[in-house]
Amino acid sequence: MLVQPRPPLALAPKPRERRNRRPFHPSQGEGPYRLPRDAHERLTVALASFKNREAAYALAVFLARYWSAPSRIVEAFHVDRRALVDHGELDLTEKQIRSAIATLEQVGYIDRALTLGSKYKATEEGLRRKPIRFQFGSEYAPMFIAANRRAAAARGRQAASERSQVLVNSWRASVSPIEAQTLKGPKSKNPSERTVHMGPLVKESGIPPKASEPNPRLEAALDRLLQGIRQSRGG
């Protein structure tokens, strides 16, 4: 009796993940914090095809606001879904937060931090899994560090400008009104105030100044000197 071999069982096709093909342009002007430009552009492209991209972007901005500061950028953090539901700055449900975490982890915005020791902890109700700790991905953490440096440099320039302005204002306040007028006012154009090193100029009236009185002794000495010069020259 011939036995017909059975065809191999075909694997059930995986359900297609729903993608969003509409353009994604998240606003950068809303809220008290904005992602750095390079992080914003990279994350926008990475989330463009995801259905929950709006929720994922909102969670990304929220995490960056509180965990990308210079003192926290190297630390790992927890994302408590239940606590974030009641947060006034994040209008997302627990399900949306869970989905957004998975999406941000998939695009590399956040990575799971290394956990030392056991993944479980003892509680009154038995062993419970420790909360998962995250850190910013290797492609996004340098962007936040560079943005922190730029912000610190800008604050330094602003502080230096304010100090110089304070010095200028204090110098202006110390100058008396007369000195300020001398320094800043135009030169005087009153002819009566024009002077020279020989004294004040005398207004011209067309009359020559009065000649000095003759000195007989000086006249005689000049005559003797003139006669001596003539005799020495033979004339």
Protein backbone atom coordinates (compact mmCIF):
# COMPACT_ATOMS: atom_id res chain seq x y z
CA MET A 1 0.00 0.00 0.00
CA LEU A 2 1.41 3.24 -1.06
CA VAL A 3 1.37 6.07 1.45
CA GLN A 4 1.23 9.52 0.04
CA PRO A 5 3.61 11.80 1.91
CA ARG A 6 2.05 14.73 3.64
CA PRO A 7 3.05 18.16 2.49
CA PRO A 8 4.98 20.16 5.05
CA LEU A 9 2.86 22.29 7.29
CA ALA A 10 2.99 25.89 6.20
CA LEU A 11 3.87 28.33 8.94
CA ALA A 12 1.18 30.81 9.75
CA PRO A 13 2.13 34.22 8.40
CA LYS A 14 3.08 36.83 10.98
CA PRO A 15 0.54 39.58 11.38
CA ARG A 16 1.65 42.73 9.69
CA GLU A 17 2.54 45.56 11.94
CA ARG A 18 0.42 48.56 11.17
CA ARG A 19 2.46 51.47 9.93
CA ASN A 20 1.64 55.13 9.56
CA ARG A 21 2.45 56.58 6.18
CA ARG A 22 1.32 60.12 6.83
CA PRO A 23 4.00 62.80 7.27
CA PHE A 24 5.11 63.28 10.85
CA HIS A 25 5.96 66.80 11.97
CA PRO A 26 5.88 67.01 15.77
CA SER A 27 5.74 70.54 17.10
CA GLN A 28 8.84 71.94 18.79
CA GLY A 29 7.18 75.06 20.15
CA GLU A 30 4.87 73.55 22.74
CA GLY A 31 5.78 72.93 26.35
CA PRO A 32 8.57 74.31 28.56
CA TYR A 33 11.23 72.01 27.10
CA ARG A 34 12.34 71.21 23.55
CA LEU A 35 14.60 68.47 22.30
CA PRO A 36 17.93 69.52 20.78
CA ARG A 37 17.57 70.04 17.06
CA ASP A 38 19.68 67.05 16.02
CA ALA A 39 17.87 64.73 18.46
CA HIS A 40 14.51 66.07 17.30
CA GLU A 41 15.29 65.47 13.64
CA ARG A 42 16.67 61.99 14.19
CA LEU A 43 13.78 60.89 16.41
CA THR A 44 11.20 62.34 14.01
CA VAL A 45 12.56 60.22 11.17
CA ALA A 46 12.76 57.12 13.37
CA LEU A 47 9.15 57.43 14.58
CA ALA A 48 7.60 58.45 11.26
CA SER A 49 6.20 55.01 10.42
CA PHE A 50 4.91 54.03 13.87
CA LYS A 51 1.23 54.21 14.69
CA ASN A 52 1.88 55.50 18.23
CA ARG A 53 4.46 58.07 17.15
CA GLU A 54 2.74 61.01 18.86
CA ALA A 55 2.68 59.23 22.23
CA ALA A 56 6.25 58.00 21.80
CA TYR A 57 7.51 61.49 20.93
CA ALA A 58 5.68 63.03 23.90
CA LEU A 59 7.24 60.47 26.25
CA ALA A 60 10.68 61.07 24.70
CA VAL A 61 10.45 64.81 25.37
CA PHE A 62 9.24 64.15 28.92
CA LEU A 63 12.16 61.81 29.68
CA ALA A 64 14.71 64.19 28.17
CA ARG A 65 13.42 67.10 30.19
CA TYR A 66 14.01 65.37 33.52
CA TRP A 67 16.91 63.02 32.74
CA SER A 68 19.15 64.75 30.19
CA ALA A 69 20.49 67.39 32.59
CA PRO A 70 24.29 67.39 33.09
CA SER A 71 23.96 65.89 36.57
CA ARG A 72 21.63 63.07 35.43
CA ILE A 73 22.63 62.19 31.87
CA VAL A 74 24.88 59.32 33.03
CA GLU A 75 22.31 57.87 35.46
CA ALA A 76 19.80 55.12 34.77
CA PHE A 77 16.13 55.86 35.41
CA HIS A 78 12.85 54.04 35.88
CA VAL A 79 9.73 54.68 33.84
CA ASP A 80 6.82 54.02 36.19
CA ARG A 81 3.73 53.71 34.04
CA ARG A 82 1.29 54.02 36.93
CA ALA A 83 2.95 57.15 38.31
CA LEU A 84 3.13 58.83 34.91
CA VAL A 85 -0.60 58.36 34.30
CA ASP A 86 -1.35 60.91 37.01
CA HIS A 87 1.37 63.34 35.89
CA GLY A 88 -0.12 66.62 34.71
CA GLU A 89 2.47 67.23 31.98
CA LEU A 90 1.98 63.88 30.23
CA ASP A 91 -1.53 63.23 28.96
CA LEU A 92 -1.14 59.51 28.25
CA THR A 93 -2.83 56.37 29.50
CA GLU A 94 -0.94 53.47 31.04
CA LYS A 95 -1.40 51.46 27.85
CA GLN A 96 -0.06 54.32 25.72
CA ILE A 97 2.95 54.70 28.00
CA ARG A 98 3.71 50.98 27.82
CA SER A 99 3.50 51.06 24.03
CA ALA A 100 5.58 54.23 23.81
CA ILE A 101 8.34 52.70 25.95
CA ALA A 102 8.51 49.71 23.60
CA THR A 103 8.67 51.98 20.56
CA LEU A 104 11.39 54.21 21.99
CA GLU A 105 13.40 51.14 22.90
CA GLN A 106 12.95 49.75 19.40
CA VAL A 107 14.26 52.90 17.67
CA GLY A 108 17.22 53.16 20.07
CA TYR A 109 16.15 56.28 21.92
CA ILE A 110 16.42 54.40 25.22
CA ASP A 111 18.25 51.21 26.12
CA ARG A 112 17.93 48.90 29.09
CA ALA A 113 20.62 49.56 31.66
CA LEU A 114 22.74 46.74 32.99
CA THR A 115 21.41 45.28 36.24
CA LEU A 116 23.79 43.71 38.71
CA GLY A 117 22.67 40.78 40.80
CA SER A 118 19.26 39.16 40.70
CA LYS A 119 16.45 40.56 38.57
CA TYR A 120 14.00 39.83 41.40
CA LYS A 121 13.56 41.24 44.87
CA ALA A 122 11.87 39.77 47.91
CA THR A 123 8.63 41.38 49.04
CA GLU A 124 5.88 40.47 51.53
CA GLU A 125 3.95 38.95 48.64
CA GLY A 126 6.92 36.94 47.40
CA LEU A 127 9.51 37.52 44.72
CA ARG A 128 8.81 40.41 42.41
CA ARG A 129 10.70 41.45 39.33
CA LYS A 130 12.75 44.58 39.83
CA PRO A 131 11.68 47.61 37.81
CA ILE A 132 13.49 47.92 34.51
CA ARG A 133 15.98 50.75 34.40
CA PHE A 134 16.68 52.65 31.21
CA GLN A 135 19.30 55.04 29.88
CA PHE A 136 19.50 57.11 26.73
CA GLY A 137 20.72 55.29 23.65
CA SER A 138 24.28 55.55 22.38
CA GLU A 139 23.16 57.73 19.46
CA TYR A 140 21.13 60.19 21.53
CA ALA A 141 23.17 60.58 24.72
CA PRO A 142 26.03 62.46 22.92
CA MET A 143 23.46 64.85 21.45
CA PHE A 144 22.18 65.75 24.91
CA ILE A 145 25.73 66.15 26.26
CA ALA A 146 26.64 68.50 23.39
CA ALA A 147 23.44 70.49 23.95
CA ASN A 148 24.30 70.88 27.64
CA ARG A 149 27.73 72.23 26.73
CA ARG A 150 26.26 74.74 24.29
CA ALA A 151 23.77 75.90 26.91
CA ALA A 152 26.55 76.32 29.51
CA ALA A 153 28.64 78.36 27.05
CA ALA A 154 25.66 80.56 26.23
CA ARG A 155 25.00 81.18 29.92
CA GLY A 156 28.67 82.13 30.39
CA ARG A 157 28.53 84.67 27.56
CA GLN A 158 25.30 86.11 28.94
CA ALA A 159 26.80 86.45 32.42
CA ALA A 160 29.91 88.18 31.02
CA SER A 161 27.76 90.60 29.04
CA GLU A 162 25.69 91.43 32.11
CA ARG A 163 28.82 92.06 34.21
CA SER A 164 30.27 94.41 31.59
CA GLN A 165 26.97 96.28 31.38
CA VAL A 166 26.94 96.70 35.17
CA LEU A 167 30.47 98.17 35.05
CA VAL A 168 29.48 100.59 32.30
CA ASN A 169 26.39 101.71 34.22
CA SER A 170 28.37 102.22 37.42
CA TRP A 171 30.99 104.29 35.55
CA ARG A 172 28.30 106.46 34.00
CA ALA A 173 26.70 107.00 37.38
CA SER A 174 30.04 108.07 38.90
CA VAL A 175 30.67 110.79 36.28
CA SER A 176 29.33 114.19 37.36
CA PRO A 177 26.95 116.05 35.03
CA ILE A 178 29.61 118.68 34.25
CA GLU A 179 32.22 116.02 33.42
CA ALA A 180 29.72 114.13 31.32
CA GLN A 181 28.92 117.29 29.40
CA THR A 182 32.65 117.93 28.90
CA LEU A 183 33.24 114.40 27.67
CA LYS A 184 30.20 114.01 25.48
CA GLY A 185 29.17 117.58 24.58
CA PRO A 186 30.32 119.38 21.41
CA LYS A 187 33.30 121.67 21.48
CA SER A 188 32.59 125.26 22.43
CA LYS A 189 32.30 127.56 19.45
CA ASN A 190 32.20 130.90 21.33
CA PRO A 191 34.89 133.18 19.78
CA SER A 192 35.41 134.90 23.13
CA GLU A 193 36.71 131.64 24.63
CA ARG A 194 39.37 130.96 21.98
CA THR A 195 42.84 131.12 23.54
CA VAL A 196 46.45 130.51 22.49
CA HIS A 197 49.62 129.79 24.44
CA MET A 198 50.52 133.53 24.42
CA GLY A 199 47.26 134.46 26.12
CA PRO A 200 43.80 135.44 24.95
CA LEU A 201 43.40 136.83 21.48
CA VAL A 202 42.64 140.53 21.25
CA LYS A 203 39.82 141.55 19.03
CA GLU A 204 41.13 143.26 15.91
CA SER A 205 40.11 146.96 15.69
CA GLY A 206 42.41 148.20 12.85
CA ILE A 207 44.62 150.26 15.30
CA PRO A 208 48.20 148.96 15.74
CA PRO A 209 49.23 148.23 19.28
CA LYS A 210 51.01 151.00 21.21
CA ALA A 211 54.77 151.07 20.72
CA SER A 212 56.95 150.60 23.75
CA GLU A 213 58.89 153.54 25.25
CA PRO A 214 62.51 154.01 23.83
CA ASN A 215 65.43 153.06 26.06
CA PRO A 216 68.40 155.50 25.58
CA ARG A 217 71.00 153.13 26.98
CA LEU A 218 69.81 150.30 24.76
CA GLU A 219 69.87 152.59 21.73
CA ALA A 220 73.44 153.70 22.46
CA ALA A 221 74.63 150.13 22.92
CA LEU A 222 73.10 149.12 19.62
CA ASP A 223 74.78 152.03 17.85
CA ARG A 224 78.20 151.10 19.26
CA LEU A 225 77.68 147.48 18.23
CA LEU A 226 76.71 148.50 14.70
CA GLN A 227 79.78 150.77 14.37
CA GLY A 228 82.08 147.97 15.51
CA ILE A 229 80.68 145.62 12.94
CA ARG A 230 81.16 148.17 10.15
CA GLN A 231 84.77 148.90 11.19
CA SER A 232 85.60 145.18 11.30
CA ARG A 233 84.34 144.79 7.74
CA GLY A 234 86.36 147.71 6.52
CA GLY A 235 83.60 150.02 5.91
